[in-house]
Amino acid sequence: MAVLLLGVAVALGVVAYRLASTPVTAPQVVAPPPETPVAQAPAPPPAPPAYDVVVAKRDLAAGEALQPDMLTVRQWSAVPEQAFSRADELVGQVLRMPVAKGDAILQPWLARGLATYLSPDFRALAVPIDDVAGIAGAIQPGNVVDVFFTLNKDRDQVDDTQARLLLPSVQVLAWGDQSVDGPIPGTDDSPRRNERNSTSSAVLAVPLEEVGQMLLAMRNGKLHLVLRSPEDTGRPDLELFPKPSPVLAADNRLDDEKKEALQAPANQAYAGVRLSGLAGTDRRVDHAESPTSRSSGPGRRVQVIRGGQVQSIPY
């Protein structure tokens, strides 16, 4: 029994020795698997800017006058050049060309008309032009010209053939089929250049009080347009020359205020001008009063001429 215990003790000692002499290895640490990153949701793109643009609500034809039910406002990301943002700006305007449904209405597509280019007390007057009078097509809409005229000798009212300046610094509104409105966008203007060289008419912006003289000059003589620089401000001084007597004499009962009103452009145009006055051959009497019988019988009147003023007085 003692021997058995001794053997067990020796065995345990051997085991203990081996355990003590065996190097201790550090335990292996297993790294955890890498974490899978969570996908981030992309940020929403910024909303594009929106602008109000007036477009055609339906197909529109050239020549139509725009009404509220023809127009609508749409939100566009960009504004076309010369577009409109408010429909009320277009009501009553006339189209120069057709516009498809949904297309923006642009400024060049509107027929502005020559009347919009006229200053107060001016009128648009069409005058005949040939290659000589119109400088062979060198004049274009928007140019400024001097209007000269020639008159041939007439036994009754024109003493001698003459030429002189009739109207200085006149704007040309239209030349043939071209006008200050410009060509319709998208059209080829090149075929019209030859037509411009052989145009037969021009439209001029003429002061109202000068329209009568222009009409007389066109009927009895010939107009010539002379191109001038728009920076040239030279004009004749009308105070240096006698004023032609009007066709209608002023009422001799006018007070000073109403006499002043005779100089208004509309009143001068209404009073009119004679060919003899245009030609500078008015038969004037220089002394104070020189009555000339104009009629006989009841309601007779005499014409009294004082300088440049002519009055018709009943007697």
Protein backbone atom coordinates (compact mmCIF):
# COMPACT_ATOMS: atom_id res chain seq x y z
CA MET A 1 0.00 0.00 0.00
CA ALA A 2 2.77 2.35 0.88
CA VAL A 3 4.49 1.48 -2.34
CA LEU A 4 1.34 2.32 -4.29
CA LEU A 5 1.01 5.68 -2.63
CA LEU A 6 4.66 6.38 -3.28
CA GLY A 7 4.20 5.58 -6.98
CA VAL A 8 1.22 7.91 -7.24
CA ALA A 9 3.18 10.65 -5.52
CA VAL A 10 6.08 10.24 -7.96
CA ALA A 11 3.70 10.31 -10.94
CA LEU A 12 2.07 13.46 -9.68
CA GLY A 13 5.47 15.03 -9.17
CA VAL A 14 6.49 14.19 -12.74
CA VAL A 15 3.29 15.67 -14.05
CA ALA A 16 3.77 18.79 -11.92
CA TYR A 17 7.35 19.14 -13.20
CA ARG A 18 6.32 18.92 -16.80
CA LEU A 19 3.55 21.41 -16.29
CA ALA A 20 5.92 23.81 -14.64
CA SER A 21 8.56 23.45 -17.33
CA THR A 22 6.17 23.85 -20.31
CA PRO A 23 6.16 27.52 -21.55
CA VAL A 24 2.86 29.30 -21.31
CA THR A 25 1.55 30.56 -24.72
CA ALA A 26 -0.60 33.62 -24.87
CA PRO A 27 -4.14 32.92 -25.91
CA GLN A 28 -4.94 33.87 -29.50
CA VAL A 29 -7.40 36.75 -29.77
CA VAL A 30 -9.69 36.46 -32.75
CA ALA A 31 -10.46 39.89 -34.20
CA PRO A 32 -14.12 40.52 -34.80
CA PRO A 33 -15.18 40.81 -38.42
CA PRO A 34 -15.16 44.44 -39.71
CA GLU A 35 -18.43 46.22 -39.45
CA THR A 36 -20.21 46.75 -42.77
CA PRO A 37 -20.71 50.56 -43.26
CA VAL A 38 -24.30 51.69 -43.40
CA ALA A 39 -25.09 53.27 -46.81
CA GLN A 40 -25.91 56.98 -46.52
CA ALA A 41 -28.96 58.22 -48.48
CA PRO A 42 -27.87 60.85 -51.12
CA ALA A 43 -28.94 64.44 -50.38
CA PRO A 44 -31.78 65.59 -52.62
CA PRO A 45 -30.62 68.00 -55.38
CA PRO A 46 -31.60 71.64 -54.89
CA ALA A 47 -34.79 72.64 -56.64
CA PRO A 48 -34.08 74.51 -59.91
CA PRO A 49 -35.08 78.19 -59.96
CA ALA A 50 -38.49 78.90 -61.43
CA TYR A 51 -39.41 82.01 -63.41
CA ASP A 52 -42.75 83.26 -64.69
CA VAL A 53 -42.94 83.24 -68.49
CA VAL A 54 -46.01 84.18 -70.52
CA VAL A 55 -46.78 81.55 -73.17
CA ALA A 56 -49.51 80.99 -75.76
CA LYS A 57 -52.46 79.09 -74.35
CA ARG A 58 -53.35 77.89 -77.85
CA ASP A 59 -52.01 78.23 -81.38
CA LEU A 60 -52.10 81.91 -82.32
CA ALA A 61 -52.14 83.33 -85.83
CA ALA A 62 -50.28 86.36 -87.14
CA GLY A 63 -52.44 89.47 -86.91
CA GLU A 64 -54.39 88.35 -83.85
CA ALA A 65 -54.86 90.86 -81.05
CA LEU A 66 -53.87 89.18 -77.80
CA GLN A 67 -56.60 88.67 -75.20
CA PRO A 68 -56.37 87.31 -71.62
CA ASP A 69 -57.86 83.92 -72.60
CA MET A 70 -55.08 83.42 -75.19
CA LEU A 71 -52.26 83.67 -72.64
CA THR A 72 -51.07 81.79 -69.58
CA VAL A 73 -48.09 81.97 -67.25
CA ARG A 74 -45.79 78.96 -66.89
CA GLN A 75 -42.86 78.29 -64.57
CA TRP A 76 -39.64 77.92 -66.57
CA SER A 77 -36.12 77.25 -65.32
CA ALA A 78 -34.75 80.00 -67.57
CA VAL A 79 -36.25 83.13 -69.07
CA PRO A 80 -35.92 83.55 -72.87
CA GLU A 81 -34.52 86.85 -74.02
CA GLN A 82 -37.23 89.54 -74.44
CA ALA A 83 -39.93 87.35 -72.88
CA PHE A 84 -42.71 88.65 -70.61
CA SER A 85 -43.53 87.68 -67.04
CA ARG A 86 -47.02 89.22 -66.85
CA ALA A 87 -49.88 88.49 -69.20
CA ASP A 88 -51.51 91.90 -68.70
CA GLU A 89 -48.49 93.52 -70.42
CA LEU A 90 -49.51 91.81 -73.66
CA VAL A 91 -53.27 92.30 -73.76
CA GLY A 92 -54.20 94.28 -76.88
CA GLN A 93 -50.86 93.71 -78.62
CA VAL A 94 -50.93 92.32 -82.18
CA LEU A 95 -48.76 89.44 -83.32
CA ARG A 96 -46.45 89.86 -86.31
CA MET A 97 -46.09 86.10 -86.76
CA PRO A 98 -47.86 82.88 -85.66
CA VAL A 99 -47.04 81.42 -82.23
CA ALA A 100 -47.50 77.74 -81.34
CA LYS A 101 -49.26 76.61 -78.19
CA GLY A 102 -46.87 76.62 -75.23
CA ASP A 103 -44.32 78.92 -76.88
CA ALA A 104 -43.21 82.05 -75.06
CA ILE A 105 -44.38 85.39 -76.42
CA LEU A 106 -41.33 87.49 -77.28
CA GLN A 107 -41.08 91.23 -77.84
CA PRO A 108 -39.86 91.03 -81.48
CA TRP A 109 -42.95 88.98 -82.36
CA LEU A 110 -45.28 91.90 -81.59
CA ALA A 111 -46.43 94.32 -84.28
CA ARG A 112 -45.73 97.63 -82.64
CA GLY A 113 -46.84 99.78 -85.57
CA LEU A 114 -45.47 103.08 -86.79
CA ALA A 115 -47.86 105.12 -84.68
CA THR A 116 -45.94 104.14 -81.54
CA TYR A 117 -42.86 105.90 -82.94
CA LEU A 118 -44.61 109.25 -83.46
CA SER A 119 -44.17 112.12 -81.04
CA PRO A 120 -47.20 114.29 -80.21
CA ASP A 121 -48.15 116.67 -83.05
CA PHE A 122 -46.38 114.48 -85.62
CA ARG A 123 -47.94 112.45 -88.41
CA ALA A 124 -46.72 109.51 -90.50
CA LEU A 125 -46.81 110.60 -94.15
CA ALA A 126 -46.09 108.33 -97.14
CA VAL A 127 -44.14 110.04 -99.91
CA PRO A 128 -43.20 108.76 -103.39
CA ILE A 129 -39.51 107.98 -103.91
CA ASP A 130 -37.42 106.86 -106.85
CA ASP A 131 -33.76 105.84 -107.05
CA VAL A 132 -32.61 109.43 -107.56
CA ALA A 133 -34.76 111.01 -104.85
CA GLY A 134 -33.94 108.21 -102.41
CA ILE A 135 -30.16 108.05 -103.02
CA ALA A 136 -30.49 104.66 -104.72
CA GLY A 137 -31.52 102.78 -101.60
CA ALA A 138 -28.85 104.19 -99.25
CA ILE A 139 -31.55 105.35 -96.83
CA GLN A 140 -32.93 102.90 -94.28
CA PRO A 141 -35.68 103.03 -91.63
CA GLY A 142 -34.53 105.03 -88.62
CA ASN A 143 -32.30 107.38 -90.63
CA VAL A 144 -32.70 111.15 -90.40
CA VAL A 145 -33.06 113.10 -93.65
CA ASP A 146 -33.62 116.62 -94.94
CA VAL A 147 -36.52 116.95 -97.38
CA PHE A 148 -35.80 119.18 -100.36
CA PHE A 149 -38.25 119.87 -103.17
CA THR A 150 -38.15 121.22 -106.69
CA LEU A 151 -40.89 123.19 -108.43
CA ASN A 152 -41.09 123.89 -112.14
CA LYS A 153 -41.97 127.32 -113.42
CA ASP A 154 -45.71 127.95 -113.55
CA ARG A 155 -47.32 130.93 -115.31
CA ASP A 156 -49.78 131.50 -112.49
CA GLN A 157 -48.11 130.74 -109.16
CA VAL A 158 -44.43 129.85 -109.63
CA ASP A 159 -42.29 132.62 -111.15
CA ASP A 160 -39.28 130.43 -111.88
CA THR A 161 -38.06 126.88 -111.49
CA GLN A 162 -36.73 126.50 -107.97
CA ALA A 163 -35.30 124.08 -105.41
CA ARG A 164 -35.03 124.58 -101.67
CA LEU A 165 -35.15 122.93 -98.28
CA LEU A 166 -38.71 122.12 -97.32
CA LEU A 167 -38.34 120.26 -94.02
CA PRO A 168 -35.14 119.60 -92.05
CA SER A 169 -34.28 116.67 -89.78
CA VAL A 170 -37.09 114.23 -90.56
CA GLN A 171 -37.03 110.64 -89.32
CA VAL A 172 -37.65 107.83 -91.81
CA LEU A 173 -40.16 105.41 -90.29
CA ALA A 174 -40.44 103.01 -93.22
CA TRP A 175 -38.65 102.38 -96.48
CA GLY A 176 -40.54 100.18 -98.91
CA ASP A 177 -41.58 97.07 -97.00
CA GLN A 178 -39.04 97.66 -94.21
CA SER A 179 -39.84 99.73 -91.13
CA VAL A 180 -38.35 100.73 -87.79
CA ASP A 181 -40.09 97.67 -86.35
CA GLY A 182 -37.36 95.63 -88.05
CA PRO A 183 -37.67 92.30 -89.88
CA ILE A 184 -39.68 89.47 -88.38
CA PRO A 185 -37.37 87.24 -86.28
CA GLY A 186 -36.31 84.05 -88.03
CA THR A 187 -36.82 85.40 -91.54
CA ASP A 188 -34.08 85.93 -94.10
CA ASP A 189 -33.85 89.61 -94.85
CA SER A 190 -31.30 89.25 -97.65
CA PRO A 191 -33.81 88.82 -100.54
CA ARG A 192 -35.32 92.17 -99.60
CA ARG A 193 -32.14 94.17 -100.07
CA ASN A 194 -32.66 94.49 -103.81
CA GLU A 195 -36.26 95.52 -103.24
CA ARG A 196 -35.05 98.27 -100.94
CA ASN A 197 -32.94 99.68 -103.76
CA SER A 198 -35.97 100.03 -106.01
CA THR A 199 -38.54 101.08 -103.44
CA SER A 200 -41.25 103.48 -104.55
CA SER A 201 -42.35 104.97 -101.22
CA ALA A 202 -41.14 106.01 -97.82
CA VAL A 203 -42.97 106.95 -94.62
CA LEU A 204 -41.71 110.04 -92.81
CA ALA A 205 -42.50 111.48 -89.37
CA VAL A 206 -43.72 114.97 -90.31
CA PRO A 207 -44.77 117.80 -87.96
CA LEU A 208 -48.52 118.30 -88.24
CA GLU A 209 -48.24 121.94 -89.29
CA GLU A 210 -45.93 120.95 -92.18
CA VAL A 211 -48.11 118.21 -93.67
CA GLY A 212 -49.91 120.67 -95.98
CA GLN A 213 -46.64 121.94 -97.46
CA MET A 214 -45.48 118.37 -98.03
CA LEU A 215 -48.70 117.52 -99.86
CA LEU A 216 -48.43 120.59 -102.09
CA ALA A 217 -44.81 119.83 -102.88
CA MET A 218 -45.65 116.23 -103.79
CA ARG A 219 -48.54 117.28 -106.03
CA ASN A 220 -46.83 120.13 -107.83
CA GLY A 221 -43.15 119.27 -107.67
CA LYS A 222 -40.79 116.54 -106.61
CA LEU A 223 -39.34 115.58 -103.24
CA HIS A 224 -35.71 114.65 -102.65
CA LEU A 225 -34.45 113.05 -99.44
CA VAL A 226 -30.95 114.05 -98.36
CA LEU A 227 -29.30 111.83 -95.77
CA ARG A 228 -27.89 113.66 -92.77
CA SER A 229 -26.05 112.78 -89.58
CA PRO A 230 -28.34 112.23 -86.58
CA GLU A 231 -25.86 114.31 -84.56
CA ASP A 232 -26.36 117.33 -86.83
CA THR A 233 -28.71 119.70 -85.01
CA GLY A 234 -28.59 122.55 -87.55
CA ARG A 235 -31.99 123.92 -88.54
CA PRO A 236 -33.06 127.03 -90.47
CA ASP A 237 -34.13 130.07 -88.45
CA LEU A 238 -37.71 130.64 -89.63
CA GLU A 239 -37.77 134.08 -88.00
CA LEU A 240 -35.47 135.32 -90.78
CA PHE A 241 -38.00 134.68 -93.55
CA PRO A 242 -41.56 135.84 -94.28
CA LYS A 243 -44.27 133.43 -93.32
CA PRO A 244 -46.64 132.35 -96.12
CA SER A 245 -50.17 133.58 -95.67
CA PRO A 246 -52.63 130.83 -94.74
CA VAL A 247 -55.56 129.74 -96.86
CA LEU A 248 -57.98 130.54 -94.04
CA ALA A 249 -57.60 133.99 -92.54
CA ALA A 250 -57.91 134.42 -88.80
CA ASP A 251 -61.10 135.90 -87.40
CA ASN A 252 -60.49 139.60 -86.74
CA ARG A 253 -62.46 139.44 -83.48
CA LEU A 254 -59.93 137.20 -81.70
CA ASP A 255 -58.48 138.38 -78.41
CA ASP A 256 -54.77 138.09 -77.66
CA GLU A 257 -55.07 134.66 -76.06
CA LYS A 258 -56.85 133.20 -79.06
CA LYS A 259 -54.42 134.85 -81.45
CA GLU A 260 -51.66 133.03 -79.62
CA ALA A 261 -53.60 129.79 -80.09
CA LEU A 262 -53.30 130.27 -83.87
CA GLN A 263 -49.69 129.08 -83.57
CA ALA A 264 -50.74 125.64 -82.32
CA PRO A 265 -49.76 122.94 -84.84
CA ALA A 266 -53.33 121.74 -85.33
CA ASN A 267 -54.57 125.28 -86.03
CA GLN A 268 -51.73 125.96 -88.47
CA ALA A 269 -52.52 122.75 -90.30
CA TYR A 270 -56.20 123.68 -90.45
CA ALA A 271 -55.44 127.17 -91.80
CA GLY A 272 -53.56 125.58 -94.70
CA VAL A 273 -50.99 126.88 -97.17
CA ARG A 274 -51.16 127.95 -100.82
CA LEU A 275 -48.84 126.87 -103.58
CA SER A 276 -47.90 130.51 -104.06
CA GLY A 277 -46.92 130.65 -100.41
CA LEU A 278 -44.90 127.46 -100.73
CA ALA A 279 -43.16 128.88 -103.80
CA GLY A 280 -42.54 132.24 -102.09
CA THR A 281 -44.62 134.19 -104.63
CA ASP A 282 -47.42 135.43 -102.40
CA ARG A 283 -48.82 138.68 -103.79
CA ARG A 284 -48.54 140.82 -100.69
CA VAL A 285 -49.40 144.45 -100.07
CA ASP A 286 -47.06 146.26 -97.69
CA HIS A 287 -49.12 149.29 -96.74
CA ALA A 288 -51.45 149.25 -93.75
CA GLU A 289 -54.70 148.41 -95.48
CA SER A 290 -55.47 147.51 -99.05
CA PRO A 291 -59.03 146.22 -99.34
CA THR A 292 -59.69 143.91 -102.22
CA SER A 293 -63.23 142.93 -103.05
CA ARG A 294 -63.73 139.18 -102.75
CA SER A 295 -67.43 139.07 -103.61
CA SER A 296 -70.38 141.30 -104.40
CA GLY A 297 -73.95 141.52 -103.28
CA PRO A 298 -75.24 140.63 -99.76
CA GLY A 299 -72.62 139.22 -97.44
CA ARG A 300 -69.75 140.85 -99.31
CA ARG A 301 -66.29 140.70 -97.69
CA VAL A 302 -62.96 142.41 -98.28
CA GLN A 303 -59.51 140.98 -97.67
CA VAL A 304 -57.23 143.17 -95.59
CA ILE A 305 -53.53 142.34 -95.61
CA ARG A 306 -51.25 143.67 -92.86
CA GLY A 307 -47.73 142.42 -93.37
CA GLY A 308 -48.08 138.65 -93.30
CA GLN A 309 -51.57 138.63 -91.71
CA VAL A 310 -54.59 138.32 -93.96
CA GLN A 311 -58.11 139.08 -92.65
CA SER A 312 -61.43 138.69 -94.36
CA ILE A 313 -63.82 141.41 -93.14
CA PRO A 314 -67.55 141.57 -93.99
CA TYR A 315 -69.05 144.91 -95.03
